[in-house]
N, C-alpha and C. Protein backbone atom coordinates (compact mmCIF):
# COMPACT_ATOMS: atom_id res chain seq x y z
N UNK A 1 45.02 28.43 10.70
CA UNK A 1 44.09 29.09 11.36
C UNK A 1 42.94 28.88 10.03
N UNK A 2 41.30 28.88 10.43
CA UNK A 2 40.52 28.55 9.90
C UNK A 2 39.53 30.21 10.13
N UNK A 3 38.67 30.26 9.07
CA UNK A 3 37.45 30.82 9.42
C UNK A 3 36.75 30.31 10.67
N UNK A 4 36.27 31.09 11.54
CA UNK A 4 35.28 30.92 12.57
C UNK A 4 34.17 29.67 11.82
N UNK A 5 33.27 30.28 11.01
CA UNK A 5 32.16 29.78 10.23
C UNK A 5 32.69 28.17 9.76
N UNK A 6 33.87 28.23 9.50
CA UNK A 6 34.12 27.01 9.34
C UNK A 6 34.85 25.78 9.99
N UNK A 7 34.51 26.27 11.24
CA UNK A 7 35.38 25.46 12.42
C UNK A 7 34.56 24.93 13.34
N UNK A 8 33.60 25.92 13.68
CA UNK A 8 32.25 25.71 15.09
C UNK A 8 30.94 25.22 14.03
N UNK A 9 30.48 24.23 14.92
CA UNK A 9 29.27 24.11 14.41
C UNK A 9 28.09 24.89 14.32
N UNK A 10 27.07 25.49 13.47
CA UNK A 10 26.10 26.15 13.56
C UNK A 10 25.42 25.94 15.25
N UNK A 11 24.84 26.84 15.65
CA UNK A 11 24.67 26.65 17.18
C UNK A 11 22.63 26.67 17.03
N UNK A 12 22.56 26.58 15.22
CA UNK A 12 20.97 26.25 15.34
C UNK A 12 21.08 25.35 13.94
N UNK A 13 19.74 24.90 13.98
CA UNK A 13 19.25 24.05 12.51
C UNK A 13 18.88 25.15 11.56
N UNK A 14 18.79 26.14 11.71
CA UNK A 14 19.13 26.74 10.84
C UNK A 14 19.78 27.00 9.59
N UNK A 15 21.43 26.82 10.34
CA UNK A 15 22.75 27.15 9.44
C UNK A 15 22.92 25.39 9.03
N UNK A 16 21.97 24.53 9.15
CA UNK A 16 22.57 23.09 8.47
C UNK A 16 22.77 23.11 6.94
N UNK A 17 21.61 23.90 6.34
CA UNK A 17 22.04 23.86 4.57
C UNK A 17 23.77 23.96 4.85
N UNK A 18 23.89 25.44 4.84
CA UNK A 18 25.48 25.66 4.82
C UNK A 18 26.40 24.81 5.36
N UNK A 19 26.24 23.80 6.34
CA UNK A 19 26.94 23.27 6.91
C UNK A 19 27.31 22.16 6.15
N UNK A 20 26.76 21.57 5.79
CA UNK A 20 26.57 20.34 4.52
C UNK A 20 28.33 20.16 4.30
N UNK A 21 28.76 19.43 3.53
CA UNK A 21 30.07 19.44 3.14
C UNK A 21 30.58 20.40 2.13
N UNK A 22 31.65 20.91 2.46
CA UNK A 22 32.00 22.15 1.73
C UNK A 22 33.47 21.90 1.10
N UNK A 23 34.05 22.05 -0.16
CA UNK A 23 35.13 22.13 -0.62
C UNK A 23 36.30 23.26 0.20
N UNK A 24 35.86 24.36 0.58
CA UNK A 24 36.55 25.47 1.07
C UNK A 24 36.70 24.91 2.36
N UNK A 25 35.51 24.46 3.06
CA UNK A 25 35.58 24.28 4.65
C UNK A 25 36.70 23.27 4.62
N UNK A 26 37.13 21.86 3.96
CA UNK A 26 37.71 20.75 4.11
C UNK A 26 39.03 21.42 3.82
N UNK A 27 39.41 22.66 2.79
CA UNK A 27 40.64 22.96 2.41
C UNK A 27 40.87 23.77 3.99
N UNK A 28 40.49 24.38 4.51
CA UNK A 28 40.37 25.25 5.42
C UNK A 28 40.91 24.47 6.66
N UNK A 29 40.00 23.28 6.87
CA UNK A 29 40.28 22.57 7.73
C UNK A 29 41.43 21.79 8.11
N UNK A 30 41.93 20.94 6.80
CA UNK A 30 43.23 20.29 6.39
C UNK A 30 44.30 21.49 6.73
N UNK A 31 44.34 22.35 6.40
CA UNK A 31 45.61 23.47 6.26
C UNK A 31 45.61 23.69 8.13
N UNK A 32 44.86 23.86 8.51
CA UNK A 32 44.42 24.22 10.43
C UNK A 32 45.42 22.84 10.68
N UNK A 33 44.95 21.81 10.48
CA UNK A 33 45.55 20.34 10.75
C UNK A 33 46.78 20.48 10.93
N UNK A 34 46.98 20.68 9.46
CA UNK A 34 48.39 20.79 8.92
C UNK A 34 49.47 21.92 9.76
N UNK A 35 49.27 22.76 9.93
CA UNK A 35 49.77 23.91 10.79
C UNK A 35 49.74 23.60 12.05
N UNK A 36 48.88 22.98 12.36
CA UNK A 36 48.61 22.36 14.12
C UNK A 36 49.70 21.56 14.52
N UNK A 37 49.91 20.85 13.31
CA UNK A 37 50.77 19.71 13.33
C UNK A 37 52.36 20.08 13.69
N UNK A 38 52.87 20.99 12.84
CA UNK A 38 54.06 21.57 12.59
C UNK A 38 54.15 22.45 14.23
N UNK A 39 53.11 23.23 14.19
CA UNK A 39 53.24 23.93 16.00
C UNK A 39 53.23 22.37 16.80
N UNK A 40 52.36 22.05 17.04
CA UNK A 40 53.04 20.73 18.00
C UNK A 40 54.56 20.02 18.26
N UNK A 41 55.03 20.19 16.85
CA UNK A 41 56.24 19.35 16.93
C UNK A 41 57.50 20.38 16.60
N UNK A 42 56.64 21.71 17.16
CA UNK A 42 58.38 23.06 16.81
C UNK A 42 58.77 23.30 18.75
N UNK A 43 59.88 23.17 19.27
CA UNK A 43 59.88 23.99 20.40
C UNK A 43 60.49 24.92 20.38
N UNK A 44 60.49 25.59 21.40
CA UNK A 44 61.13 26.68 21.88
C UNK A 44 62.62 26.78 20.82
N UNK A 45 63.51 25.09 21.66
CA UNK A 45 64.89 24.71 21.07
C UNK A 45 64.64 25.24 19.98
N UNK A 46 64.03 24.40 19.19
CA UNK A 46 63.97 24.29 17.35
C UNK A 46 64.08 26.01 16.72
N UNK A 47 63.02 26.68 17.79
CA UNK A 47 63.34 28.00 16.58
C UNK A 47 64.57 28.94 17.54
N UNK A 48 65.64 28.66 18.34
CA UNK A 48 66.42 29.51 18.79
C UNK A 48 67.67 28.87 17.69
N UNK A 49 67.35 27.21 17.52
CA UNK A 49 68.80 26.85 16.46
C UNK A 49 68.44 27.61 15.24
N UNK A 50 66.80 27.21 15.04
CA UNK A 50 67.04 27.98 13.31
C UNK A 50 67.49 29.38 13.65
N UNK A 51 66.99 30.48 14.40
CA UNK A 51 67.58 31.42 14.64
C UNK A 51 69.24 31.73 14.49
N UNK A 52 70.14 30.92 15.09
CA UNK A 52 71.34 30.87 15.17
C UNK A 52 71.65 30.78 14.06
N UNK A 53 70.94 29.91 12.95
CA UNK A 53 71.52 29.47 11.68
C UNK A 53 71.20 30.59 10.76
N UNK A 54 69.48 31.38 11.24
CA UNK A 54 69.66 32.19 10.27
C UNK A 54 70.75 33.60 10.22
N UNK A 55 71.36 33.98 11.60
CA UNK A 55 72.38 34.87 11.95
C UNK A 55 73.27 34.42 11.20
N UNK A 56 74.03 33.22 11.41
CA UNK A 56 75.53 32.56 10.97
C UNK A 56 75.23 32.83 9.41
N UNK A 57 74.06 32.71 8.46
CA UNK A 57 73.99 32.79 7.04
C UNK A 57 73.96 34.09 7.08
N UNK A 58 73.62 34.81 7.92
CA UNK A 58 73.55 36.39 7.32
C UNK A 58 75.18 37.23 7.48
N UNK A 59 75.81 36.52 8.49
CA UNK A 59 77.02 37.01 8.61
C UNK A 59 77.66 36.49 7.07
N UNK A 60 77.89 35.49 6.87
CA UNK A 60 78.79 34.34 6.03
C UNK A 60 78.55 35.19 5.05
N UNK A 61 76.76 35.30 4.55
CA UNK A 61 76.84 35.65 3.00
C UNK A 61 75.76 37.25 3.23
N UNK A 62 76.42 38.53 3.64
CA UNK A 62 75.66 39.40 3.45
C UNK A 62 74.86 39.60 2.37
N UNK A 63 73.53 40.55 2.76
CA UNK A 63 72.44 40.49 1.65
C UNK A 63 73.43 41.64 0.45
N UNK A 64 73.42 41.72 -0.32
CA UNK A 64 74.13 42.66 -1.20
C UNK A 64 73.42 44.18 -1.19
N UNK A 65 73.43 45.28 -1.48
CA UNK A 65 73.06 46.50 -0.88
C UNK A 65 71.91 46.50 -2.04
N UNK A 66 70.75 47.19 -1.72
CA UNK A 66 69.18 47.39 -2.27
C UNK A 66 69.13 47.89 -3.06
N UNK A 67 69.13 48.05 -4.51
CA UNK A 67 68.67 49.24 -5.24
C UNK A 67 67.21 49.28 -6.16
N UNK A 68 67.06 50.43 -5.58
CA UNK A 68 65.57 50.99 -6.41
C UNK A 68 64.92 50.00 -6.86
N UNK A 69 64.08 49.72 -6.97
CA UNK A 69 63.26 48.78 -8.16
C UNK A 69 63.39 47.78 -8.03
N UNK A 70 64.28 46.77 -6.98
CA UNK A 70 64.17 45.63 -6.66
C UNK A 70 63.44 44.88 -5.91
N UNK A 71 62.91 43.60 -6.41
CA UNK A 71 62.04 43.15 -5.55
C UNK A 71 62.59 43.11 -4.40
N UNK A 72 61.75 42.74 -3.11
CA UNK A 72 62.14 42.44 -1.67
C UNK A 72 62.52 41.12 -1.84
N UNK A 73 63.70 40.80 -1.02
CA UNK A 73 64.09 39.39 -1.25
C UNK A 73 62.88 38.26 -0.10
N UNK A 74 62.32 37.27 -0.02
CA UNK A 74 61.62 36.46 0.46
C UNK A 74 62.10 35.65 1.21
N UNK A 75 61.40 35.27 2.55
CA UNK A 75 62.32 34.72 3.85
C UNK A 75 62.55 33.24 3.25
N UNK A 76 63.49 32.95 4.03
CA UNK A 76 63.89 31.43 3.80
C UNK A 76 63.81 30.72 5.09
N UNK A 77 62.88 29.51 5.19
CA UNK A 77 62.22 28.92 6.06
C UNK A 77 63.48 27.49 6.36
N UNK A 78 64.25 27.83 7.34
CA UNK A 78 65.49 26.77 7.89
C UNK A 78 64.70 25.57 8.92
N UNK A 79 64.67 24.49 8.45
CA UNK A 79 64.48 23.24 9.57
C UNK A 79 65.61 22.60 9.83
N UNK A 80 65.35 21.97 10.66
CA UNK A 80 65.79 20.47 11.53
C UNK A 80 65.57 19.38 11.06
N UNK A 81 64.91 19.24 10.13
CA UNK A 81 64.06 18.26 9.52
C UNK A 81 65.03 17.21 8.50
N UNK A 82 65.43 16.35 8.00
CA UNK A 82 66.04 15.78 7.63
C UNK A 82 65.67 14.84 6.67
């Protein structure tokens, strides 16, 4: 995902100055390409298999009861890549 103004060319010559190479634009485009590659190589079957692993992990290692003031646990990404 990248901001619209960083992905699409300006419709007129008025925007040519800001369209010049930009480090932020380049970073957004690189991130968008990387996320697209992940999505292109992820199937519904992959997602189903990951969900089965997540549920199995929850069953084997249930989360301890939360107490007030404890930070919210961060999600863990399980992949099938080796």
